[in-house]
Every structure is written in C-alpha cells, then in structure tokens.
Amino acid sequence: MTPTPPRRRTARGLVGGALTASLLLTGCATAAGDPDTLTMATTSPPNVLDIAHGFTGPCTLVQFAVLESPVTRDENGKVVPQLAQSWTEPDPVTYVFKLRQGVVFSDGSPMTAEDVAFSLERHTDPKVASEAASMVAAVESVRATGPDEVTVVLKAPTQTFLSNVAVMWQVVPKKLAAAHPQDLGTPASPTLGTGPYKVTRFSGTEGITLKRNENYRGPRPAVGTVKVTTITDPETLRLAVSSGEVDGTVQVPPRDIRKWAPLKDVRTRFYAGNSIAFLALNVTYGPLADVHVRRAVAHAVNREATQRLVVGAKASPATTILTHPMLRALYGDDFQSAVDRLPRYPYDLAAARDELGKSAYPHGFELPADYSTGNNTADALQALTADLAKIGIKLKLNPLPDDGYRAKRIRHDGLTLGMSDLSYATPDPGELLPDLVSSVGAKPYGFNFAQFRSPRLDTRVDTVLALKDGEERRQAVTEILTETAEQAAYIPLYSVDSGIALNKRFTENVGVWTLNVLAEIKPAETG
C-alpha cells in the first residue's frame, strides 16, 4: 500500500485546523517566495516517520524523502535497485541482495548489512506490532550473509514480495530501531535514513522541516528545504495554497475541484489512483455476524450518494474490493465483464428489508459505530444512518477526534461498521488481499477490519501469492472475490483519483506509482 494519501492507512492528530490556520495566515509557517524552500500541507499530521506505526499518506510523504529500501519502483511501477546494487533469486523462496558499498546515513555513519536485515526483520516481530506486517507475512528469515549481502528466505513463493518491500523495507540503523520498537520515528525518537533529505525539526506543534542530506550518494535534491505542516480544514487548506502561504498539497479534496481549478498561480491536477474505499462490517460482531443482516446493510447503502458526498466526480464507482488497476491487470481491459458476474447489492430498501426479514433480527437492532470528525465521511454515515433507520436498524454514531479514531481502529478496538479508503503501491491483487481477507490482516494493526478470514481463504490467498499469473491465479482471486461478495463482509464504494495542487513557482512529475513525491517537485526555472 502507498500514498491516500497511501495505502494507506492510519494517522494520529497533532494540531487542530484552527490553530494551524492561525499560524499560516500570520505568515509563520513558511518563507513564501523562496525558491529553495517548499512548504507542503497535509490534512492529517505526518506524526510517525516509521512505516511500522505511520502507514498513512502524510507519513509516507515524508518517509520516502528520508528513508530508502534495497529496492524501489520506477515511474512505470517496475521494481528496480535502490540501496541494493542487484539481487538474485537462486530458488523460488530465496532472495539475495547485493548491497551498494559506501552508503552512509545522514549523520555520516555507515550503513551495514546488519542494519538492512534488521530493518526488515523487525516488521515480523509481534512486539513491534507493525502496520506493515501483512506485507511480509511470507518471510521466514532475514540474515546478513556477508559484509554487503542480505538473504531473505520466504515460507512459500510470493510474487508480491519485491513490490511489497519496495514500499515498506525502510532501512534505519539497527541500534536505533532495536532501542525504539514502539516509538521510532516520533518527535521523541527521530529516525535516521540514507535518503535525499534529513529531518532537522520534528515538532508536535510546528510540523516537520527537512534539509538536503549532504551525505546522500545520489543526485542533489532540487529544493534545499522542505517544510510540512498540517491543515485539517479543507477550505483553510485551499485559502493557504491560494494565498501562497503554503506551496501545495497532495491531498486536494476531490469533491472541491471546482473551487481549486480557478486558483491563480496554482496548478491543480488529478490523475488515476490505485485506491479503494469501502465499508467494513465486522463479521464477528453481534448482529453483523448474520450474513442476512450484512446483505441488508449492503442493499441500504446508496453508493452514488456516498461518492457524491465524500469525493464528488473525481472517482469511479467500485463493485469489488480490488482497485481498477488490479482488476485490469488480472482480467484485462474487459475486466467489467468479469466483475458483472460477481454477487452485487444495488441500492434497494425493499430488498434490504427482505434480507433483514430472513435474519435473526427481523425487527431491527441498534448498532454503535465510531467515526472520525476529521474528514467528510461523517456526511456519508449520516446518510446511511437515515437509510438504515427505514429498515429498522438504528446506527448510533460515536464521533471521535481523528487521532483517537484511527488509533482505536488500527488496534481493532470496538470494530463494528466503519469506512476506510486504502491506497496501494502496485496493480497486483496479491498486495491487497492479505490485508482484507487473511488471518494475518485480522490481527491488531492489520487492515482486515471486517475480521473476515478462514483457513480456506488463507489457502486461496497463498495460491495468489505463489503464482505470478495465469488462469489458476485468476481463478483463485475470482473465488475470493465471489466469497467476499456473497458474505457481504465489505461493501465497495468507489476508487478515487489522486490530486496535487502546486504553486506555479514549482513543477512536478508525480504519477500513480511515485513513491518519493517530494523529490519530483522542483523550482520552475530548473524544469
């Protein structure tokens, strides 16, 4: 998963929109007009610079500028070397990485094979409780097998291994990571990387400042200083970009495109994303354990209205848990014909009442549901509340501040019904399926918020991961999609496009597969 702002996934708050707006409008947040300083705004705080506990778009925006992996992705999504010079696969479950020599962290200390190996191994440690654990569930062992060599052995062939570690294998010093299993990358325990930028300020109230890493072995970053601040209110964000108080954002609210498009001296652009928004219904919770109740809820969801309320026109309706690029990679350009054969639940309150009548709760029930006050999904849940009331289900919404909501949800605390929007790094279904339908993803800090898993599903997921392509793999994915739809564990909503707005003093070359977004932004005069 990567920037939704990526995959993905959770966040915790730093400061409120009003306070941040005050800082911006008094000119304290940026040196506006300085071509060597770029100030970007995010709608939730990048408060953990470690993907183990900060797997969100705002967090990874900063992480990818500071931290590197043995492999990365190019602009076409192909896996290519980064900290590794090369790699070999002596057998289907073994990867041997030959590391570049002379790489140093931003403080000048040398990167070792032990650092590289531990940086992956830590994500398999239950004590770390990594949010990226499902991406490396297939890893059996990681060892430094030479001064410049790391060997990874998998439990079984896993075709998504390289694309997954391109996102989450962030190399940090072993000594630092071992000393801070839970709070690495926080203001109290800053991270240390090999990337083009280094962190020079990380404050709970003043945001993040990055400076060029003078020890970086690669091309010198075009912008010397990058500041990242948080503006939670969409209109305050727009005004800040419009006035030049901040230079841009990669979180343009899609439903507000008509407000953003006319901004003077600002380029706003949307491009196809690789995300999926859905409602997750906890199949182990009370009435939601009844499949007829879940189907009733699915029929009561007005997907068109939900998309309109949350993201507007810059999105495409979704009818499966896979993103459109994943469906296209799996079934080809005519993927819609395959999707149309899956069970579907059109908006139909009569059908919803009929399904509820078949359940153990024909007269309805009360269902508590947490939601975040930090985004506009509340509008969609309010609309769903009204529709569910018409069939006898009383949705009791519990508002929580964004940081509290996300922290509670990723711990799997009190899961009932909730809305998520996850972004992914590749068009391979094998990246998403372990998140949403595996036993690993159903553990705390995983993304299987529906708790939808079984030995049969795990076996099918393993089949998907073991096979590169072919009819057997398509069949396994189709069986997973069919069962997931039949059980109505997830209610797919939409796939949203990604948007970036940037002051015309800068140019960008950001696409769906871009990881290090900040490195793709340059002063306009340098092109």
Protein backbone atom coordinates (compact mmCIF):
# COMPACT_ATOMS: atom_id res chain seq x y z
CA MET A 1 0.00 0.00 0.00
CA THR A 2 1.26 3.96 -0.52
CA PRO A 3 0.19 7.48 -0.55
CA THR A 4 -4.00 8.19 0.11
CA PRO A 5 -2.77 9.63 0.54
CA PRO A 6 -1.23 5.85 0.69
CA ARG A 7 -2.18 2.89 1.04
CA ARG A 8 -2.85 3.79 3.37
CA ARG A 9 -3.82 3.76 6.27
CA THR A 10 -3.89 5.31 9.81
CA ALA A 11 -2.94 8.60 11.41
CA ARG A 12 -2.90 10.43 14.71
CA GLY A 13 -3.54 14.14 15.12
CA LEU A 14 -1.08 16.88 16.02
CA VAL A 15 -2.87 20.20 15.91
CA GLY A 16 -6.34 21.40 15.01
CA GLY A 17 -7.17 23.20 11.78
CA ALA A 18 -7.93 26.50 13.50
CA LEU A 19 -4.52 26.68 15.22
CA THR A 20 -2.70 25.67 12.05
CA ALA A 21 -4.66 28.21 10.04
CA SER A 22 -3.68 30.92 12.51
CA LEU A 23 -0.01 30.05 12.08
CA LEU A 24 -0.34 30.13 8.31
CA LEU A 25 -2.29 33.33 7.98
CA THR A 26 0.17 35.23 10.16
CA GLY A 27 2.99 34.07 7.89
CA CYS A 28 4.73 31.90 10.49
CA ALA A 29 4.59 28.61 8.65
CA THR A 30 6.66 29.31 5.57
CA ALA A 31 9.13 31.55 3.86
CA ALA A 32 6.80 32.19 0.92
CA GLY A 33 8.53 33.02 -2.34
CA ASP A 34 11.87 31.39 -1.50
CA PRO A 35 12.66 29.12 -4.47
CA ASP A 36 14.84 26.91 -2.29
CA THR A 37 12.08 26.31 0.27
CA LEU A 38 8.99 24.22 -0.42
CA THR A 39 6.12 24.17 2.08
CA MET A 40 3.58 21.39 1.69
CA ALA A 41 0.38 20.95 3.67
CA THR A 42 -1.29 17.68 4.66
CA THR A 43 -4.81 17.20 6.00
CA SER A 44 -3.68 14.92 8.80
CA PRO A 45 -0.32 15.03 10.54
CA PRO A 46 2.77 13.08 9.44
CA ASN A 47 3.50 12.34 13.07
CA VAL A 48 5.31 8.98 12.79
CA LEU A 49 8.24 8.68 10.40
CA ASP A 50 8.32 4.90 10.60
CA ILE A 51 6.03 2.84 8.39
CA ALA A 52 5.58 0.29 11.20
CA HIS A 53 3.39 2.79 13.05
CA GLY A 54 2.81 5.51 10.48
CA PHE A 55 1.43 3.81 7.37
CA THR A 56 -0.52 6.83 6.08
CA GLY A 57 -0.27 9.13 3.11
CA PRO A 58 1.01 12.12 5.11
CA CYS A 59 3.51 9.96 6.99
CA THR A 60 4.84 8.17 3.91
CA LEU A 61 5.08 11.51 2.06
CA VAL A 62 7.90 12.39 4.46
CA GLN A 63 9.24 8.86 4.99
CA PHE A 64 10.04 8.29 1.31
CA ALA A 65 12.09 11.51 1.22
CA VAL A 66 14.20 10.41 4.21
CA LEU A 67 14.28 6.61 4.17
CA GLU A 68 15.23 4.16 1.44
CA SER A 69 14.80 0.46 0.68
CA PRO A 70 17.03 -2.09 -1.02
CA VAL A 71 14.61 -1.81 -3.97
CA THR A 72 12.18 0.84 -5.15
CA ARG A 73 9.81 1.50 -8.06
CA ASP A 74 10.39 3.47 -11.22
CA GLU A 75 7.79 5.71 -12.87
CA ASN A 76 6.22 2.69 -14.58
CA GLY A 77 5.85 0.70 -11.37
CA LYS A 78 8.74 -1.66 -12.15
CA VAL A 79 10.85 -2.78 -9.18
CA VAL A 80 14.43 -1.50 -9.52
CA PRO A 81 17.52 -1.43 -7.25
CA GLN A 82 17.98 1.34 -4.68
CA LEU A 83 20.18 0.52 -1.68
CA ALA A 84 20.82 -2.84 -3.31
CA GLN A 85 23.09 -2.91 -6.31
CA SER A 86 21.35 -6.03 -7.56
CA TRP A 87 19.57 -9.15 -6.38
CA THR A 88 19.31 -12.78 -7.39
CA GLU A 89 16.72 -15.50 -6.82
CA PRO A 90 18.61 -18.80 -6.53
CA ASP A 91 15.32 -20.59 -5.89
CA PRO A 92 11.62 -19.57 -5.70
CA VAL A 93 11.78 -18.74 -1.97
CA THR A 94 15.22 -17.13 -1.67
CA TYR A 95 16.29 -13.57 -2.49
CA VAL A 96 19.93 -12.50 -2.17
CA PHE A 97 20.52 -8.74 -2.17
CA LYS A 98 23.96 -7.37 -3.06
CA LEU A 99 24.17 -4.00 -1.28
CA ARG A 100 25.82 -0.87 -2.62
CA GLN A 101 29.12 -0.09 -0.97
CA GLY A 102 29.87 3.17 0.77
CA VAL A 103 26.28 4.10 1.67
CA VAL A 104 26.02 6.21 4.82
CA PHE A 105 23.17 7.51 6.93
CA SER A 106 22.56 11.26 7.08
CA ASP A 107 24.75 11.54 10.20
CA GLY A 108 27.68 10.05 8.29
CA SER A 109 27.60 6.62 9.94
CA PRO A 110 27.99 3.66 7.55
CA MET A 111 25.02 1.51 6.57
CA THR A 112 25.72 -2.18 7.26
CA ALA A 113 24.16 -5.42 6.12
CA GLU A 114 23.04 -5.92 9.73
CA ASP A 115 21.12 -2.62 9.56
CA VAL A 116 19.43 -3.69 6.35
CA ALA A 117 18.48 -7.16 7.61
CA PHE A 118 17.12 -5.91 10.95
CA SER A 119 15.09 -3.20 9.22
CA LEU A 120 13.01 -5.91 7.53
CA GLU A 121 13.06 -8.47 10.34
CA ARG A 122 11.56 -6.03 12.85
CA HIS A 123 8.28 -5.96 10.90
CA THR A 124 7.82 -9.68 11.57
CA ASP A 125 8.20 -9.21 15.35
CA PRO A 126 4.82 -9.26 17.16
CA LYS A 127 6.29 -6.98 19.83
CA VAL A 128 6.75 -4.26 17.22
CA ALA A 129 3.11 -4.70 16.06
CA SER A 130 3.95 -3.29 12.65
CA GLU A 131 1.16 -1.96 10.47
CA ALA A 132 3.11 -3.40 7.53
CA ALA A 133 3.28 -6.92 8.98
CA SER A 134 0.79 -8.37 6.48
CA MET A 135 3.09 -7.31 3.64
CA VAL A 136 5.89 -9.56 4.93
CA ALA A 137 3.86 -12.40 6.40
CA ALA A 138 5.61 -14.78 4.00
CA VAL A 139 9.10 -14.00 5.34
CA GLU A 140 10.71 -16.96 7.12
CA SER A 141 14.10 -15.42 7.84
CA VAL A 142 16.30 -12.40 7.10
CA ARG A 143 20.07 -12.60 7.60
CA ALA A 144 23.17 -10.62 6.82
CA THR A 145 25.12 -13.27 4.88
CA GLY A 146 28.11 -11.11 4.08
CA PRO A 147 29.51 -7.59 4.59
CA ASP A 148 27.42 -6.36 1.65
CA GLU A 149 24.84 -9.12 1.35
CA VAL A 150 21.40 -9.83 2.84
CA THR A 151 19.49 -13.05 2.23
CA VAL A 152 15.72 -13.34 2.67
CA VAL A 153 14.05 -16.75 2.77
CA LEU A 154 10.28 -16.98 2.34
CA LYS A 155 7.90 -19.59 3.72
CA ALA A 156 6.50 -20.10 0.23
CA PRO A 157 6.90 -18.49 -3.20
CA THR A 158 5.39 -14.99 -3.02
CA GLN A 159 5.15 -12.98 -6.22
CA THR A 160 4.42 -9.71 -4.41
CA PHE A 161 7.49 -9.85 -2.16
CA LEU A 162 9.65 -7.39 -4.13
CA SER A 163 6.84 -4.92 -4.80
CA ASN A 164 5.85 -5.01 -1.13
CA VAL A 165 9.33 -4.43 0.26
CA ALA A 166 9.86 -1.59 -2.20
CA VAL A 167 7.30 0.24 -0.08
CA MET A 168 7.94 -0.89 3.48
CA TRP A 169 11.57 -2.06 3.88
CA GLN A 170 12.79 1.29 5.22
CA VAL A 171 16.42 0.93 6.26
CA VAL A 172 17.42 2.50 9.58
CA PRO A 173 20.33 1.83 11.94
CA LYS A 174 19.79 -1.43 13.81
CA LYS A 175 20.89 0.08 17.12
CA LEU A 176 18.33 2.87 16.82
CA ALA A 177 15.43 0.64 15.75
CA ALA A 178 16.14 -2.03 18.37
CA ALA A 179 16.13 0.60 21.12
CA HIS A 180 12.78 2.03 19.98
CA PRO A 181 10.46 -0.79 18.84
CA GLN A 182 7.30 1.23 19.53
CA ASP A 183 8.26 4.91 19.19
CA LEU A 184 10.82 5.01 16.38
CA GLY A 185 10.16 7.95 14.09
CA THR A 186 8.32 10.08 16.63
CA PRO A 187 9.48 13.51 17.83
CA ALA A 188 10.83 11.80 20.94
CA SER A 189 12.85 9.26 18.90
CA PRO A 190 13.59 10.72 15.44
CA THR A 191 14.51 8.41 12.61
CA LEU A 192 17.73 8.33 10.58
CA GLY A 193 17.87 7.45 6.90
CA THR A 194 20.00 7.34 3.77
CA GLY A 195 17.64 9.30 1.53
CA PRO A 196 17.98 12.70 -0.17
CA TYR A 197 16.61 14.59 2.84
CA LYS A 198 17.18 14.52 6.60
CA VAL A 199 14.87 15.63 9.40
CA THR A 200 16.08 18.81 11.11
CA ARG A 201 12.90 19.69 13.01
CA PHE A 202 10.03 17.50 14.12
CA SER A 203 7.57 19.13 16.47
CA GLY A 204 4.10 18.26 17.66
CA THR A 205 3.02 21.86 17.11
CA GLU A 206 5.29 23.22 14.37
CA GLY A 207 5.37 20.37 11.88
CA ILE A 208 8.40 18.93 10.10
CA THR A 209 11.39 20.52 8.41
CA LEU A 210 13.62 18.58 6.04
CA LYS A 211 17.01 19.71 4.71
CA ARG A 212 19.17 18.30 1.95
CA ASN A 213 21.17 15.33 3.13
CA GLU A 214 24.72 16.36 2.20
CA ASN A 215 25.83 12.74 2.66
CA TYR A 216 23.35 11.49 0.06
CA ARG A 217 25.08 9.50 -2.68
CA GLY A 218 22.52 10.34 -5.39
CA PRO A 219 21.51 13.47 -7.31
CA ARG A 220 21.33 16.62 -5.20
CA PRO A 221 17.66 17.44 -4.42
CA ALA A 222 16.41 20.43 -6.40
CA VAL A 223 14.84 22.03 -3.32
CA GLY A 224 17.05 22.64 -0.30
CA THR A 225 14.41 22.85 2.43
CA VAL A 226 11.01 21.17 2.66
CA LYS A 227 8.50 22.08 5.35
CA VAL A 228 5.40 20.01 6.05
CA THR A 229 2.54 21.44 8.05
CA THR A 230 -0.99 20.24 8.82
CA ILE A 231 -4.23 21.98 7.87
CA THR A 232 -7.22 19.81 8.66
CA ASP A 233 -9.96 22.14 7.38
CA PRO A 234 -10.42 21.84 3.57
CA GLU A 235 -11.32 25.49 2.99
CA THR A 236 -8.45 26.75 5.13
CA LEU A 237 -6.15 24.49 3.11
CA ARG A 238 -7.43 25.93 -0.17
CA LEU A 239 -7.01 29.52 1.04
CA ALA A 240 -3.49 28.79 2.26
CA VAL A 241 -2.45 27.38 -1.13
CA SER A 242 -4.24 30.20 -2.97
CA SER A 243 -2.50 32.91 -0.95
CA GLY A 244 0.93 31.31 -1.27
CA GLU A 245 1.25 30.78 2.46
CA VAL A 246 1.91 27.14 1.56
CA ASP A 247 3.15 25.99 -1.82
CA GLY A 248 0.96 22.96 -2.31
CA THR A 249 -0.66 19.75 -1.20
CA VAL A 250 -1.07 16.21 -2.49
CA GLN A 251 -4.41 15.96 -0.74
CA VAL A 252 -6.73 18.09 -2.84
CA PRO A 253 -10.30 17.23 -1.74
CA PRO A 254 -11.80 15.69 -4.90
CA ARG A 255 -15.29 16.99 -4.24
CA ASP A 256 -13.95 20.56 -4.15
CA ILE A 257 -12.26 20.51 -7.56
CA ARG A 258 -14.43 23.39 -8.85
CA LYS A 259 -13.06 25.58 -6.07
CA TRP A 260 -9.45 24.59 -6.71
CA ALA A 261 -9.31 24.69 -10.51
CA PRO A 262 -9.57 28.51 -10.87
CA LEU A 263 -6.88 29.37 -8.29
CA LYS A 264 -4.46 31.96 -9.64
CA ASP A 265 -0.80 30.92 -9.82
CA VAL A 266 -1.69 27.35 -8.78
CA ARG A 267 -1.76 24.24 -10.96
CA THR A 268 -4.23 21.60 -9.80
CA ARG A 269 -4.10 18.19 -11.45
CA PHE A 270 -5.82 14.87 -10.87
CA TYR A 271 -4.52 11.52 -12.08
CA ALA A 272 -5.77 7.95 -11.86
CA GLY A 273 -5.21 6.43 -8.45
CA ASN A 274 -4.89 2.91 -7.11
CA SER A 275 -7.22 3.07 -4.15
CA ILE A 276 -10.41 1.52 -2.87
CA ALA A 277 -12.95 2.96 -0.43
CA PHE A 278 -15.29 0.58 1.36
CA LEU A 279 -17.44 -0.09 4.37
CA ALA A 280 -16.15 -2.95 6.51
CA LEU A 281 -18.70 -4.95 8.51
CA ASN A 282 -17.20 -6.89 11.41
CA VAL A 283 -18.47 -10.41 10.76
CA THR A 284 -17.78 -11.42 14.38
CA TYR A 285 -19.82 -8.64 16.00
CA GLY A 286 -23.34 -9.35 17.28
CA PRO A 287 -25.97 -8.83 14.58
CA LEU A 288 -23.29 -8.32 11.91
CA ALA A 289 -22.34 -11.98 12.30
CA ASP A 290 -25.60 -12.75 10.45
CA VAL A 291 -24.99 -12.73 6.69
CA HIS A 292 -28.56 -11.58 6.02
CA VAL A 293 -28.00 -8.52 8.20
CA ARG A 294 -24.84 -7.70 6.25
CA ARG A 295 -26.66 -8.10 2.95
CA ALA A 296 -29.45 -5.87 4.25
CA VAL A 297 -26.90 -3.18 5.07
CA ALA A 298 -25.30 -3.61 1.64
CA HIS A 299 -28.66 -3.00 -0.07
CA ALA A 300 -29.24 0.06 2.14
CA VAL A 301 -26.02 1.80 1.08
CA ASN A 302 -26.56 4.42 -1.61
CA ARG A 303 -23.13 4.26 -3.21
CA GLU A 304 -23.81 7.05 -5.66
CA ALA A 305 -24.83 9.42 -2.86
CA THR A 306 -21.85 8.34 -0.75
CA GLN A 307 -19.41 9.08 -3.56
CA ARG A 308 -21.06 12.44 -4.21
CA LEU A 309 -20.94 13.43 -0.54
CA VAL A 310 -17.35 12.35 0.11
CA VAL A 311 -15.35 12.77 -3.11
CA GLY A 312 -17.60 14.10 -5.87
CA ALA A 313 -16.92 13.38 -9.53
CA LYS A 314 -13.18 12.63 -9.26
CA ALA A 315 -13.81 8.96 -8.55
CA SER A 316 -15.17 5.82 -10.15
CA PRO A 317 -17.83 3.54 -8.63
CA ALA A 318 -16.43 0.32 -7.16
CA THR A 319 -18.18 -3.03 -7.17
CA THR A 320 -15.36 -5.22 -5.78
CA ILE A 321 -12.67 -4.85 -3.13
CA LEU A 322 -9.97 -4.67 -5.84
CA THR A 323 -8.81 -1.38 -7.33
CA HIS A 324 -9.36 -0.74 -11.04
CA PRO A 325 -5.64 -1.16 -11.91
CA MET A 326 -5.71 -4.52 -10.11
CA LEU A 327 -8.80 -5.65 -11.99
CA ARG A 328 -7.25 -4.59 -15.28
CA ALA A 329 -4.00 -6.41 -14.50
CA LEU A 330 -5.93 -9.55 -13.57
CA TYR A 331 -8.68 -9.73 -16.21
CA GLY A 332 -7.50 -7.34 -18.93
CA ASP A 333 -9.19 -4.21 -20.26
CA ASP A 334 -12.54 -6.00 -20.36
CA PHE A 335 -12.47 -6.59 -16.61
CA GLN A 336 -16.01 -5.26 -16.19
CA SER A 337 -17.50 -8.42 -17.72
CA ALA A 338 -15.77 -10.50 -15.02
CA VAL A 339 -16.90 -8.09 -12.30
CA ASP A 340 -20.51 -8.22 -13.51
CA ARG A 341 -20.64 -11.94 -12.74
CA LEU A 342 -19.99 -11.36 -9.04
CA PRO A 343 -22.83 -11.02 -6.50
CA ARG A 344 -24.00 -7.42 -6.24
CA TYR A 345 -26.22 -5.42 -3.90
CA PRO A 346 -27.81 -2.45 -5.66
CA TYR A 347 -29.37 0.29 -3.56
CA ASP A 348 -32.82 -1.12 -2.83
CA LEU A 349 -34.52 -0.57 0.53
CA ALA A 350 -37.20 -3.17 -0.25
CA ALA A 351 -34.50 -5.78 -0.86
CA ALA A 352 -32.80 -4.61 2.33
CA ARG A 353 -35.99 -5.19 4.34
CA ASP A 354 -36.40 -8.60 2.74
CA GLU A 355 -32.85 -9.65 3.73
CA LEU A 356 -33.33 -8.34 7.25
CA GLY A 357 -36.54 -10.37 7.46
CA LYS A 358 -34.51 -13.54 6.77
CA SER A 359 -32.13 -12.75 9.63
CA ALA A 360 -32.32 -13.39 13.35
CA TYR A 361 -33.11 -9.67 13.73
CA PRO A 362 -36.19 -9.13 11.56
CA HIS A 363 -37.39 -6.20 13.67
CA GLY A 364 -34.08 -4.41 13.64
CA PHE A 365 -31.49 -3.55 16.27
CA GLU A 366 -29.13 -0.81 17.43
CA LEU A 367 -25.59 -0.73 16.05
CA PRO A 368 -22.86 1.52 17.51
CA ALA A 369 -20.28 2.88 15.06
CA ASP A 370 -17.27 5.13 15.61
CA TYR A 371 -16.35 7.76 13.06
CA SER A 372 -13.75 10.49 12.65
CA THR A 373 -14.67 14.14 12.97
CA GLY A 374 -11.55 14.98 10.96
CA ASN A 375 -12.94 14.19 7.49
CA ASN A 376 -16.15 14.32 5.49
CA THR A 377 -17.07 10.63 5.80
CA ALA A 378 -19.42 11.77 8.56
CA ASP A 379 -21.77 13.09 5.85
CA ALA A 380 -21.92 9.67 4.22
CA LEU A 381 -22.51 7.90 7.53
CA GLN A 382 -25.28 10.32 8.41
CA ALA A 383 -26.97 9.49 5.11
CA LEU A 384 -26.51 5.76 5.78
CA THR A 385 -27.98 6.25 9.25
CA ALA A 386 -31.16 7.67 7.70
CA ASP A 387 -31.49 4.79 5.24
CA LEU A 388 -30.82 2.09 7.83
CA ALA A 389 -33.46 3.63 10.07
CA LYS A 390 -36.01 2.99 7.34
CA ILE A 391 -35.43 -0.77 7.64
CA GLY A 392 -35.27 -0.82 11.44
CA ILE A 393 -31.53 -0.60 12.07
CA LYS A 394 -30.57 2.27 14.35
CA LEU A 395 -26.98 3.31 13.66
CA LYS A 396 -25.67 5.06 16.76
CA LEU A 397 -22.74 7.19 15.61
CA ASN A 398 -19.95 7.92 18.04
CA PRO A 399 -17.79 10.90 16.96
CA LEU A 400 -14.09 10.76 17.80
CA PRO A 401 -11.22 13.12 17.00
CA ASP A 402 -9.28 11.86 14.01
CA ASP A 403 -6.24 10.75 16.01
CA GLY A 404 -8.35 8.85 18.53
CA TYR A 405 -10.48 7.23 15.85
CA ARG A 406 -7.56 5.99 13.79
CA ALA A 407 -5.60 4.75 16.78
CA LYS A 408 -8.64 2.84 18.08
CA ARG A 409 -9.46 1.37 14.67
CA ILE A 410 -5.96 0.11 13.91
CA ARG A 411 -5.94 -1.63 17.32
CA HIS A 412 -9.21 -3.32 16.26
CA ASP A 413 -10.85 -1.90 19.35
CA GLY A 414 -14.65 -1.93 19.12
CA LEU A 415 -14.88 -2.75 15.41
CA THR A 416 -18.46 -2.76 14.11
CA LEU A 417 -19.16 -0.85 10.91
CA GLY A 418 -16.61 1.61 9.55
CA MET A 419 -15.44 3.33 6.41
CA SER A 420 -11.90 3.07 5.01
CA ASP A 421 -10.05 4.31 1.94
CA LEU A 422 -6.82 2.42 1.23
CA SER A 423 -4.25 3.13 -1.46
CA TYR A 424 -1.88 0.53 -2.87
CA ALA A 425 1.56 0.58 -4.41
CA THR A 426 1.12 -1.91 -7.25
CA PRO A 427 -1.59 -3.28 -9.56
CA ASP A 428 -1.10 -6.77 -8.12
CA PRO A 429 -4.14 -8.15 -6.23
CA GLY A 430 -1.65 -10.03 -4.06
CA GLU A 431 -0.83 -6.78 -2.30
CA LEU A 432 -4.42 -6.06 -1.21
CA LEU A 433 -5.90 -9.49 -0.50
CA PRO A 434 -3.71 -10.32 2.54
CA ASP A 435 -4.85 -7.01 4.03
CA LEU A 436 -8.58 -7.60 3.70
CA VAL A 437 -9.25 -11.34 3.77
CA SER A 438 -6.38 -13.07 5.60
CA SER A 439 -5.88 -14.17 9.18
CA VAL A 440 -2.74 -12.03 9.37
CA GLY A 441 -4.68 -8.92 8.38
CA ALA A 442 -7.31 -9.70 11.02
CA LYS A 443 -4.79 -9.27 13.83
CA PRO A 444 -4.49 -5.90 15.61
CA TYR A 445 -2.62 -3.38 13.46
CA GLY A 446 -3.76 -5.19 10.32
CA PHE A 447 -6.35 -3.85 7.87
CA ASN A 448 -8.89 -6.67 7.89
CA PHE A 449 -11.41 -4.52 9.75
CA ALA A 450 -14.18 -6.95 8.77
CA GLN A 451 -12.40 -9.78 10.62
CA PHE A 452 -13.25 -11.83 7.54
CA ARG A 453 -10.96 -14.84 7.40
CA SER A 454 -10.92 -18.63 7.28
CA PRO A 455 -8.42 -21.41 6.54
CA ARG A 456 -9.95 -21.69 3.07
CA LEU A 457 -9.42 -18.00 2.36
CA ASP A 458 -5.85 -18.18 3.68
CA THR A 459 -5.15 -21.06 1.31
CA ARG A 460 -6.55 -19.11 -1.63
CA VAL A 461 -4.51 -16.06 -0.70
CA ASP A 462 -1.41 -18.26 -0.54
CA THR A 463 -2.21 -19.53 -4.03
CA VAL A 464 -2.49 -15.96 -5.33
CA LEU A 465 0.84 -15.06 -3.76
CA ALA A 466 2.61 -18.16 -5.08
CA LEU A 467 1.59 -17.73 -8.72
CA LYS A 468 2.79 -14.93 -10.97
CA ASP A 469 -0.12 -15.03 -13.40
CA GLY A 470 -2.21 -17.49 -15.37
CA GLU A 471 -5.67 -18.97 -15.15
CA GLU A 472 -5.10 -20.71 -11.81
CA ARG A 473 -4.25 -17.38 -10.20
CA ARG A 474 -7.24 -15.62 -11.80
CA GLN A 475 -9.48 -18.41 -10.59
CA ALA A 476 -8.19 -18.14 -7.01
CA VAL A 477 -8.77 -14.37 -6.99
CA THR A 478 -12.22 -14.81 -8.52
CA GLU A 479 -13.15 -17.32 -5.81
CA ILE A 480 -12.01 -14.86 -3.12
CA LEU A 481 -13.98 -12.02 -4.69
CA THR A 482 -17.06 -14.21 -5.04
CA GLU A 483 -17.00 -15.40 -1.44
CA THR A 484 -16.32 -11.91 -0.12
CA ALA A 485 -19.27 -10.55 -2.10
CA GLU A 486 -21.58 -13.41 -1.11
CA GLN A 487 -20.76 -12.85 2.55
CA ALA A 488 -21.05 -9.04 2.24
CA ALA A 489 -18.11 -8.56 4.58
CA TYR A 490 -17.09 -5.47 2.65
CA ILE A 491 -19.25 -3.01 0.77
CA PRO A 492 -17.13 -1.46 -2.03
CA LEU A 493 -17.88 2.23 -2.58
CA TYR A 494 -15.54 3.97 -5.01
CA SER A 495 -11.98 4.40 -6.26
CA VAL A 496 -10.84 8.00 -6.01
CA ASP A 497 -8.40 9.83 -8.25
CA SER A 498 -5.30 11.41 -6.71
CA GLY A 499 -4.88 15.17 -6.81
CA ILE A 500 -1.96 17.56 -6.43
CA ALA A 501 -2.05 21.36 -6.27
CA LEU A 502 1.21 23.30 -6.55
CA ASN A 503 2.21 26.92 -6.80
CA LYS A 504 3.44 27.71 -10.32
CA ARG A 505 6.85 28.58 -8.88
CA PHE A 506 7.33 24.81 -8.83
CA THR A 507 6.83 21.95 -11.26
CA GLU A 508 6.10 18.29 -10.53
CA ASN A 509 6.24 14.91 -12.21
CA VAL A 510 4.10 12.84 -9.87
CA GLY A 511 2.22 9.75 -11.00
CA VAL A 512 0.30 6.84 -9.57
CA TRP A 513 3.46 4.79 -8.91
CA THR A 514 5.57 7.64 -7.49
CA LEU A 515 6.90 6.90 -4.01
CA ASN A 516 9.20 9.84 -3.28
CA VAL A 517 6.79 12.64 -4.21
CA LEU A 518 8.90 15.43 -2.71
CA ALA A 519 11.85 14.50 -4.94
CA GLU A 520 9.65 15.03 -8.00
CA ILE A 521 8.97 18.69 -7.15
CA LYS A 522 11.42 21.27 -8.49
CA PRO A 523 11.64 25.06 -8.81
CA ALA A 524 10.02 26.01 -12.12
CA GLU A 525 13.14 27.60 -13.54
CA THR A 526 15.02 24.29 -13.31
CA GLY A 527 12.21 22.34 -15.00
